[in-house]
Each structure stands twice: as structure tokens, then as C-alpha cells.
Amino acid sequence: MLNENIKRIRKSKGLSQEELAIKLNVVRQTVSKWENGLSVPDSSMLIILANELDTTVSELLGEPVAEPTTDDLKILSEKLEVINLQLAKRSITKVKTIRWILISLCAVIVVIFIALASTNSFYLDWNYNDPELAVAGTILHGFEFLFVKLAPIVFLTSVVGIVVTYKKR
């Protein structure tokens, strides 16, 4: 069946075996073997052959291709509509989740800033001759230093993120 279809479609296009072989980058004998049923093209060559003959692989293989009916198209469009609605809901949920994470991050930063401001760096009055207090004080000071430097950047970025996610509603 494949061999007959290749031959029939090639002739209907007005191509010789040699011309088709040149388009496919194979020798004429290869096309002849296909048309005589002595060999068959591999799957990638079958796709290229279908493209060169302006046809489908299904037609080359002799499989009937049913034309879609209006009922099929209607069912397909309804399924696509449901999928689009699900994707839209998922996207909205994702944006809301991101927005609440950013709002929570801003709230945590504000709470930590208030806590640090109210403690007024109490650890600076500690006796740093005691090694354990020295380590704890150094860690607290390092945290406070990094927090004071990085928190405003994170806070502003979060606020921008919140504004952007509200625009996507």
C-alpha cells in the first residue's frame, strides 16, 4: 500500500524518481525500492517524504483521515474552554499566593524592625570578657547589621511585588 501511494502521489505531482530522490537527498534506486515494495523509508524519512509530496504521513500509509465534523469541533472547543478556565483559576491562585507571601514578608520585616528598635541594641552593654556573651553579642550584632542593610531592599522589592500582583487582577 505504501509503495503504491508513493508512486501514485509522485506521478500526480509530475516528479520523476530522480527528481524526488534529489529532493530527499537519496539515490534514485532508493525511491525505486520504495515504490517496488523492496524496502520502506524509516519514520524520519517518511515525514520528509510526506512534506516533499505535499501530503500527510497518514495518506502515504493509506490510512483514512476523517474530516472533523462540526460536533467534533464544538466538543473540542468546549474542552479547550474548560482547560483555559482552569488555567486562569490556577494563575489567579498563584498570583494571590505570591501576593500574600510578599505581604507576610513585609509584616515580618516591620515586626523585626520594631523589635530591634525597642531593644535598642541591648547587647552592646554586655561584658564581652565572657567568651559566651562575646559570641552571642557578635552574632546578634551581625544579624542586626545585615538586617538593617538588607531589610529595606527586601521590603521595597516586596512592596513593588505586591503592587504588580494587584495590577494582574
Protein backbone atom coordinates (compact mmCIF):
# COMPACT_ATOMS: atom_id res chain seq x y z
CA MET A 1 0.00 0.00 0.00
CA LEU A 2 2.77 2.45 0.94
CA ASN A 3 4.70 1.68 -2.22
CA GLU A 4 1.65 2.30 -4.42
CA ASN A 5 0.82 5.53 -2.65
CA ILE A 6 4.35 6.89 -3.03
CA LYS A 7 4.31 6.08 -6.74
CA ARG A 8 0.81 7.46 -7.31
CA ILE A 9 1.40 10.73 -5.46
CA ARG A 10 4.85 11.22 -7.02
CA LYS A 11 3.38 10.82 -10.51
CA SER A 12 0.44 13.12 -9.70
CA LYS A 13 2.96 15.80 -8.75
CA GLY A 14 4.76 15.27 -12.06
CA LEU A 15 8.02 14.19 -10.45
CA SER A 16 10.36 11.53 -11.73
CA GLN A 17 12.07 9.13 -9.34
CA GLU A 18 15.31 11.03 -9.93
CA GLU A 19 13.73 14.42 -9.07
CA LEU A 20 12.14 13.07 -5.92
CA ALA A 21 15.41 11.41 -4.92
CA ILE A 22 17.26 14.72 -5.29
CA LYS A 23 14.70 16.49 -3.09
CA LEU A 24 15.06 13.78 -0.45
CA ASN A 25 18.88 13.59 -0.68
CA VAL A 26 18.80 9.90 -1.56
CA VAL A 27 19.71 7.98 -4.70
CA ARG A 28 17.10 7.14 -7.36
CA GLN A 29 17.42 3.44 -6.56
CA THR A 30 16.13 4.10 -3.03
CA VAL A 31 12.93 5.65 -4.39
CA SER A 32 12.62 2.74 -6.82
CA LYS A 33 12.93 0.23 -3.94
CA TRP A 34 10.23 2.05 -2.00
CA GLU A 35 7.89 2.06 -5.00
CA ASN A 36 8.52 -1.62 -5.76
CA GLY A 37 7.95 -2.63 -2.14
CA LEU A 38 11.50 -3.89 -1.65
CA SER A 39 12.14 -1.54 1.26
CA VAL A 40 10.36 1.18 3.20
CA PRO A 41 11.52 4.60 4.37
CA ASP A 42 12.27 4.99 8.06
CA SER A 43 10.00 7.19 10.17
CA SER A 44 12.02 10.40 9.80
CA MET A 45 12.31 9.88 6.03
CA LEU A 46 8.58 9.19 5.85
CA ILE A 47 7.88 12.59 7.36
CA ILE A 48 10.28 14.29 4.94
CA LEU A 49 8.75 12.35 2.03
CA ALA A 50 5.24 13.45 3.02
CA ASN A 51 6.41 17.08 3.20
CA GLU A 52 8.07 16.91 -0.22
CA LEU A 53 4.95 15.36 -1.77
CA ASP A 54 2.68 17.89 -0.03
CA THR A 55 0.68 15.20 1.70
CA THR A 56 0.31 13.64 5.13
CA VAL A 57 2.02 10.58 6.51
CA SER A 58 -1.44 9.07 7.05
CA GLU A 59 -2.24 9.40 3.36
CA LEU A 60 1.09 7.86 2.40
CA LEU A 61 0.38 4.93 4.68
CA GLY A 62 -3.11 4.60 3.23
CA GLU A 63 -4.92 5.35 6.45
CA PRO A 64 -8.18 7.22 6.02
CA VAL A 65 -8.25 10.61 7.64
CA ALA A 66 -11.70 11.52 8.88
CA GLU A 67 -12.73 15.10 8.38
CA PRO A 68 -13.68 16.73 11.65
CA THR A 69 -17.38 17.35 11.96
CA THR A 70 -18.93 20.42 13.50
CA ASP A 71 -19.88 18.33 16.54
CA ASP A 72 -16.24 17.30 16.99
CA LEU A 73 -15.14 20.91 16.71
CA LYS A 74 -17.78 22.02 19.19
CA ILE A 75 -16.73 19.35 21.71
CA LEU A 76 -13.08 20.28 21.22
CA SER A 77 -13.77 23.99 21.70
CA GLU A 78 -15.75 23.25 24.89
CA LYS A 79 -12.86 21.18 26.25
CA LEU A 80 -10.41 23.95 25.40
CA GLU A 81 -12.65 26.48 27.12
CA VAL A 82 -12.72 24.37 30.30
CA ILE A 83 -8.94 23.99 30.19
CA ASN A 84 -8.50 27.75 29.71
CA LEU A 85 -10.77 28.45 32.69
CA GLN A 86 -8.80 26.00 34.84
CA LEU A 87 -5.52 27.61 33.80
CA ALA A 88 -6.91 31.08 34.54
CA LYS A 89 -8.05 29.97 38.02
CA ARG A 90 -4.66 28.39 38.69
CA SER A 91 -2.91 31.57 37.59
CA ILE A 92 -5.11 33.73 39.83
CA THR A 93 -4.46 31.41 42.76
CA LYS A 94 -0.72 31.57 42.14
CA VAL A 95 -0.77 35.39 42.00
CA LYS A 96 -2.81 35.57 45.23
CA THR A 97 -0.39 33.20 46.95
CA ILE A 98 2.61 35.25 45.87
CA ARG A 99 0.88 38.45 46.98
CA TRP A 100 0.17 37.02 50.47
CA ILE A 101 3.73 35.76 50.80
CA LEU A 102 5.03 39.23 49.96
CA ILE A 103 2.59 40.89 52.40
CA SER A 104 3.69 38.44 55.11
CA LEU A 105 7.34 39.18 54.35
CA CYS A 106 6.69 42.91 54.75
CA ALA A 107 4.88 42.30 58.04
CA VAL A 108 7.75 40.16 59.38
CA ILE A 109 10.28 42.83 58.41
CA VAL A 110 8.25 45.53 60.18
CA VAL A 111 7.88 43.37 63.32
CA ILE A 112 11.64 42.64 63.41
CA PHE A 113 12.44 46.33 62.90
CA ILE A 114 10.14 47.23 65.80
CA ALA A 115 11.72 44.53 67.97
CA LEU A 116 15.24 45.71 67.15
CA ALA A 117 14.32 49.36 67.74
CA SER A 118 12.69 48.58 71.10
CA THR A 119 15.68 46.56 72.33
CA ASN A 120 17.98 49.45 71.44
CA SER A 121 20.96 47.11 70.88
CA PHE A 122 20.93 45.94 74.50
CA TYR A 123 23.75 43.50 73.81
CA LEU A 124 26.25 46.38 73.48
CA ASP A 125 26.24 46.72 77.30
CA TRP A 126 27.24 43.09 77.84
CA ASN A 127 30.58 42.07 79.37
CA TYR A 128 32.49 40.88 76.32
CA ASN A 129 35.25 39.39 78.51
CA ASP A 130 32.94 36.40 78.94
CA PRO A 131 33.52 34.29 75.75
CA GLU A 132 29.95 33.01 75.59
CA LEU A 133 28.48 36.51 75.80
CA ALA A 134 31.02 37.75 73.28
CA VAL A 135 29.94 35.12 70.75
CA ALA A 136 26.23 35.76 71.35
CA GLY A 137 26.72 39.53 71.16
CA THR A 138 28.71 39.24 67.95
CA ILE A 139 26.01 37.07 66.39
CA LEU A 140 23.26 39.49 67.45
CA HIS A 141 25.24 42.45 66.16
CA GLY A 142 25.93 40.68 62.86
CA PHE A 143 22.24 39.82 62.46
CA GLU A 144 21.19 43.39 63.27
CA PHE A 145 23.77 44.84 60.89
CA LEU A 146 22.76 42.58 57.98
CA PHE A 147 19.08 43.05 58.71
CA VAL A 148 19.33 46.84 58.77
CA LYS A 149 21.28 46.80 55.49
CA LEU A 150 19.19 44.21 53.59
CA ALA A 151 15.68 44.60 55.01
CA PRO A 152 14.88 47.93 53.29
CA ILE A 153 15.80 46.45 49.90
CA VAL A 154 13.72 43.32 50.55
CA PHE A 155 10.86 45.45 51.88
CA LEU A 156 10.78 47.76 48.86
CA THR A 157 11.03 44.80 46.48
CA SER A 158 8.13 43.14 48.27
CA VAL A 159 6.04 46.30 48.07
CA VAL A 160 6.73 46.53 44.34
CA GLY A 161 5.79 42.86 44.00
CA ILE A 162 2.52 43.47 45.85
CA VAL A 163 1.68 46.40 43.57
CA VAL A 164 2.48 44.36 40.46
CA THR A 165 0.34 41.44 41.60
CA TYR A 166 -2.60 43.77 42.31
CA LYS A 167 -2.38 45.04 38.72
CA LYS A 168 -2.70 41.45 37.45
CA ARG A 169 -6.15 41.03 38.98
